[in-house]
């Protein structure tokens, strides 16, 4: 396997990012309007936005993506970082790409002054849960939500 390079997205990365984003949505059996995808991409590029993205590259091929969002917390002075989306291509799963993307978020969030990184996954995502249990703690909270 060639060297993995993880870097934040730039305007030139849209053609590499879009198929990974679409694969992520398919993985979770969901669809979003094109307007949401366009808005997400623009937010990821806007330095004034608290949302960020990086791609994992092997040579000229993007093999993974991660999106993360900085936000305030009433439990700390520093921001927290929510790792919202993580995808590794089917061909690259099990090779450490996911772990390296998460470690990229850890390092970036720490450098940007965040005090923690947190995320969710679906209870059926057993492979990912095995990784997450090795590199983070599971605090036991249950999510509730209501669409508005």
C-alpha atoms as a PDB file:
ATOM      1  CA  UNK A   1       0.000   0.000   0.000  1.00  0.00           C
ATOM      2  CA  UNK A   2       1.298   3.477  -0.845  1.00  0.00           C
ATOM      3  CA  UNK A   3       1.839   6.230   1.716  1.00  0.00           C
ATOM      4  CA  UNK A   4      -1.346   7.731   3.152  1.00  0.00           C
ATOM      5  CA  UNK A   5      -1.633  11.517   3.051  1.00  0.00           C
ATOM      6  CA  UNK A   6      -4.412  13.195   5.023  1.00  0.00           C
ATOM      7  CA  UNK A   7      -5.139  16.836   4.317  1.00  0.00           C
ATOM      8  CA  UNK A   8      -7.976  19.309   4.606  1.00  0.00           C
ATOM      9  CA  UNK A   9     -10.157  19.721   1.544  1.00  0.00           C
ATOM     10  CA  UNK A  10      -9.636  22.541  -0.922  1.00  0.00           C
ATOM     11  CA  UNK A  11     -11.754  23.803  -3.812  1.00  0.00           C
ATOM     12  CA  UNK A  12      -9.856  21.456  -6.150  1.00  0.00           C
ATOM     13  CA  UNK A  13     -11.038  18.384  -4.196  1.00  0.00           C
ATOM     14  CA  UNK A  14     -14.750  18.464  -5.013  1.00  0.00           C
ATOM     15  CA  UNK A  15     -14.548  15.697  -7.655  1.00  0.00           C
ATOM     16  CA  UNK A  16     -12.789  13.426  -5.139  1.00  0.00           C
ATOM     17  CA  UNK A  17     -14.997  14.388  -2.167  1.00  0.00           C
ATOM     18  CA  UNK A  18     -18.416  14.028  -3.840  1.00  0.00           C
ATOM     19  CA  UNK A  19     -18.323  10.252  -4.548  1.00  0.00           C
ATOM     20  CA  UNK A  20     -17.122   9.588  -0.988  1.00  0.00           C
ATOM     21  CA  UNK A  21     -19.897  11.780   0.417  1.00  0.00           C
ATOM     22  CA  UNK A  22     -22.469   9.960  -1.724  1.00  0.00           C
ATOM     23  CA  UNK A  23     -21.067   6.578  -0.598  1.00  0.00           C
ATOM     24  CA  UNK A  24     -21.353   7.704   3.026  1.00  0.00           C
ATOM     25  CA  UNK A  25     -25.008   8.625   2.531  1.00  0.00           C
ATOM     26  CA  UNK A  26     -25.674   5.269   0.826  1.00  0.00           C
ATOM     27  CA  UNK A  27     -23.986   3.441   3.732  1.00  0.00           C
ATOM     28  CA  UNK A  28     -26.578   4.993   6.040  1.00  0.00           C
ATOM     29  CA  UNK A  29     -29.419   4.410   3.542  1.00  0.00           C
ATOM     30  CA  UNK A  30     -30.192   8.078   3.232  1.00  0.00           C
ATOM     31  CA  UNK A  31     -30.527  10.687   0.529  1.00  0.00           C
ATOM     32  CA  UNK A  32     -30.140  14.434   0.767  1.00  0.00           C
ATOM     33  CA  UNK A  33     -31.309  17.083  -1.665  1.00  0.00           C
ATOM     34  CA  UNK A  34     -28.586  18.384  -3.980  1.00  0.00           C
ATOM     35  CA  UNK A  35     -28.979  21.791  -2.314  1.00  0.00           C
ATOM     36  CA  UNK A  36     -27.850  20.300   1.010  1.00  0.00           C
ATOM     37  CA  UNK A  37     -24.809  18.675  -0.586  1.00  0.00           C
ATOM     38  CA  UNK A  38     -23.879  21.952  -2.300  1.00  0.00           C
ATOM     39  CA  UNK A  39     -24.325  23.870   0.958  1.00  0.00           C
ATOM     40  CA  UNK A  40     -22.266  21.309   2.886  1.00  0.00           C
ATOM     41  CA  UNK A  41     -19.412  21.598   0.390  1.00  0.00           C
ATOM     42  CA  UNK A  42     -19.466  25.401   0.584  1.00  0.00           C
ATOM     43  CA  UNK A  43     -19.463  25.316   4.391  1.00  0.00           C
ATOM     44  CA  UNK A  44     -16.503  22.930   4.396  1.00  0.00           C
ATOM     45  CA  UNK A  45     -14.524  25.457   2.338  1.00  0.00           C
ATOM     46  CA  UNK A  46     -15.561  28.574   4.279  1.00  0.00           C
ATOM     47  CA  UNK A  47     -12.961  29.484   6.916  1.00  0.00           C
ATOM     48  CA  UNK A  48     -15.660  31.367   8.897  1.00  0.00           C
ATOM     49  CA  UNK A  49     -17.655  28.168   9.366  1.00  0.00           C
ATOM     50  CA  UNK A  50     -17.000  25.815  12.317  1.00  0.00           C
ATOM     51  CA  UNK A  51     -17.263  22.756  10.059  1.00  0.00           C
ATOM     52  CA  UNK A  52     -14.184  21.153   8.489  1.00  0.00           C
ATOM     53  CA  UNK A  53     -13.249  18.244   6.235  1.00  0.00           C
ATOM     54  CA  UNK A  54     -10.223  16.204   5.304  1.00  0.00           C
ATOM     55  CA  UNK A  55      -9.576  13.509   2.738  1.00  0.00           C
ATOM     56  CA  UNK A  56      -7.222  10.557   3.023  1.00  0.00           C
ATOM     57  CA  UNK A  57      -5.214  10.120  -0.164  1.00  0.00           C
ATOM     58  CA  UNK A  58      -3.259   7.161  -1.474  1.00  0.00           C
ATOM     59  CA  UNK A  59      -1.447   8.604  -4.433  1.00  0.00           C
ATOM     60  CA  UNK A  60      -4.030  10.423  -6.549  1.00  0.00           C
ATOM     61  CA  UNK A  61      -6.995   8.506  -5.082  1.00  0.00           C
ATOM     62  CA  UNK A  62      -9.104   9.701  -2.156  1.00  0.00           C
ATOM     63  CA  UNK A  63      -9.800   6.638   0.017  1.00  0.00           C
ATOM     64  CA  UNK A  64     -11.503   8.241   2.997  1.00  0.00           C
ATOM     65  CA  UNK A  65     -13.215  11.340   4.298  1.00  0.00           C
ATOM     66  CA  UNK A  66     -13.904  12.907   7.646  1.00  0.00           C
ATOM     67  CA  UNK A  67     -16.098  15.891   8.554  1.00  0.00           C
ATOM     68  CA  UNK A  68     -15.844  17.551  11.961  1.00  0.00           C
ATOM     69  CA  UNK A  69     -17.498  20.527  13.628  1.00  0.00           C
ATOM     70  CA  UNK A  70     -16.281  22.741  16.464  1.00  0.00           C
ATOM     71  CA  UNK A  71     -18.920  23.850  18.954  1.00  0.00           C
ATOM     72  CA  UNK A  72     -19.351  25.505  22.326  1.00  0.00           C
ATOM     73  CA  UNK A  73     -20.065  23.506  25.452  1.00  0.00           C
ATOM     74  CA  UNK A  74     -21.512  24.562  28.776  1.00  0.00           C
ATOM     75  CA  UNK A  75     -19.155  22.067  30.432  1.00  0.00           C
ATOM     76  CA  UNK A  76     -15.871  23.646  29.359  1.00  0.00           C
ATOM     77  CA  UNK A  77     -14.321  26.937  28.345  1.00  0.00           C
ATOM     78  CA  UNK A  78     -12.747  25.388  25.263  1.00  0.00           C
ATOM     79  CA  UNK A  79     -14.703  24.237  22.233  1.00  0.00           C
ATOM     80  CA  UNK A  80     -15.549  20.591  21.676  1.00  0.00           C
ATOM     81  CA  UNK A  81     -15.196  18.818  18.355  1.00  0.00           C
ATOM     82  CA  UNK A  82     -17.972  16.670  16.929  1.00  0.00           C
ATOM     83  CA  UNK A  83     -16.692  14.133  14.402  1.00  0.00           C
ATOM     84  CA  UNK A  84     -19.825  13.986  12.275  1.00  0.00           C
ATOM     85  CA  UNK A  85     -18.993  11.865   9.231  1.00  0.00           C
ATOM     86  CA  UNK A  86     -16.310   9.251   8.608  1.00  0.00           C
ATOM     87  CA  UNK A  87     -16.010   6.976   5.591  1.00  0.00           C
ATOM     88  CA  UNK A  88     -13.283   4.729   4.262  1.00  0.00           C
ATOM     89  CA  UNK A  89     -13.703   3.134   0.840  1.00  0.00           C
ATOM     90  CA  UNK A  90     -14.578  -0.547   0.832  1.00  0.00           C
ATOM     91  CA  UNK A  91     -11.172  -1.425  -0.654  1.00  0.00           C
ATOM     92  CA  UNK A  92      -9.284   0.421   2.115  1.00  0.00           C
ATOM     93  CA  UNK A  93     -11.258  -0.755   5.147  1.00  0.00           C
ATOM     94  CA  UNK A  94      -9.211  -2.638   7.700  1.00  0.00           C
ATOM     95  CA  UNK A  95      -5.943  -0.975   6.635  1.00  0.00           C
ATOM     96  CA  UNK A  96      -5.814   1.730   9.318  1.00  0.00           C
ATOM     97  CA  UNK A  97      -7.222   4.575   7.223  1.00  0.00           C
ATOM     98  CA  UNK A  98     -10.168   5.133   9.589  1.00  0.00           C
ATOM     99  CA  UNK A  99      -7.910   5.262  12.622  1.00  0.00           C
ATOM    100  CA  UNK A 100      -5.585   7.715  10.891  1.00  0.00           C
ATOM    101  CA  UNK A 101      -8.499   9.957   9.930  1.00  0.00           C
ATOM    102  CA  UNK A 102      -9.694   9.990  13.557  1.00  0.00           C
ATOM    103  CA  UNK A 103      -6.158  10.699  14.787  1.00  0.00           C
ATOM    104  CA  UNK A 104      -6.004  13.574  12.267  1.00  0.00           C
ATOM    105  CA  UNK A 105      -9.153  15.009  13.849  1.00  0.00           C
ATOM    106  CA  UNK A 106      -7.706  14.508  17.356  1.00  0.00           C
ATOM    107  CA  UNK A 107      -4.523  16.386  16.419  1.00  0.00           C
ATOM    108  CA  UNK A 108      -6.308  19.144  14.487  1.00  0.00           C
ATOM    109  CA  UNK A 109      -8.907  19.739  17.205  1.00  0.00           C
ATOM    110  CA  UNK A 110      -6.228  19.819  19.898  1.00  0.00           C
ATOM    111  CA  UNK A 111      -4.122  22.287  17.883  1.00  0.00           C
ATOM    112  CA  UNK A 112      -7.249  24.441  17.440  1.00  0.00           C
ATOM    113  CA  UNK A 113      -7.854  24.509  21.204  1.00  0.00           C
ATOM    114  CA  UNK A 114     -10.636  21.949  21.582  1.00  0.00           C
ATOM    115  CA  UNK A 115     -10.831  19.934  24.805  1.00  0.00           C
ATOM    116  CA  UNK A 116     -12.473  16.785  23.401  1.00  0.00           C
ATOM    117  CA  UNK A 117     -13.627  14.948  20.292  1.00  0.00           C
ATOM    118  CA  UNK A 118     -16.897  13.005  20.341  1.00  0.00           C
ATOM    119  CA  UNK A 119     -19.016  11.153  17.796  1.00  0.00           C
ATOM    120  CA  UNK A 120     -21.860   8.718  17.217  1.00  0.00           C
ATOM    121  CA  UNK A 121     -22.233   5.608  15.133  1.00  0.00           C
ATOM    122  CA  UNK A 122     -25.145   3.342  14.431  1.00  0.00           C
ATOM    123  CA  UNK A 123     -25.459   0.370  16.767  1.00  0.00           C
ATOM    124  CA  UNK A 124     -25.240  -2.009  13.789  1.00  0.00           C
ATOM    125  CA  UNK A 125     -21.860  -0.625  12.667  1.00  0.00           C
ATOM    126  CA  UNK A 126     -19.967  -3.426  14.445  1.00  0.00           C
ATOM    127  CA  UNK A 127     -16.688  -3.102  12.547  1.00  0.00           C
ATOM    128  CA  UNK A 128     -16.397   0.596  13.310  1.00  0.00           C
ATOM    129  CA  UNK A 129     -17.390   0.044  16.946  1.00  0.00           C
ATOM    130  CA  UNK A 130     -14.448  -2.358  17.344  1.00  0.00           C
ATOM    131  CA  UNK A 131     -12.073   0.414  16.241  1.00  0.00           C
ATOM    132  CA  UNK A 132     -13.779   3.111  18.296  1.00  0.00           C
ATOM    133  CA  UNK A 133     -13.611   0.996  21.460  1.00  0.00           C
ATOM    134  CA  UNK A 134      -9.801   0.837  21.063  1.00  0.00           C
ATOM    135  CA  UNK A 135      -9.194   4.553  20.533  1.00  0.00           C
ATOM    136  CA  UNK A 136     -11.881   6.308  22.609  1.00  0.00           C
ATOM    137  CA  UNK A 137     -14.084   5.795  25.630  1.00  0.00           C
ATOM    138  CA  UNK A 138     -17.738   4.859  25.451  1.00  0.00           C
ATOM    139  CA  UNK A 139     -19.536   7.058  27.991  1.00  0.00           C
ATOM    140  CA  UNK A 140     -22.860   5.195  27.922  1.00  0.00           C
ATOM    141  CA  UNK A 141     -25.150   8.005  26.807  1.00  0.00           C
ATOM    142  CA  UNK A 142     -28.166   7.199  24.638  1.00  0.00           C
ATOM    143  CA  UNK A 143     -29.151   9.610  21.895  1.00  0.00           C
ATOM    144  CA  UNK A 144     -32.662  11.007  21.580  1.00  0.00           C
ATOM    145  CA  UNK A 145     -33.800  13.326  18.804  1.00  0.00           C
ATOM    146  CA  UNK A 146     -36.841  14.836  17.143  1.00  0.00           C
ATOM    147  CA  UNK A 147     -36.863  16.214  13.621  1.00  0.00           C
ATOM    148  CA  UNK A 148     -38.324  19.699  13.386  1.00  0.00           C
END
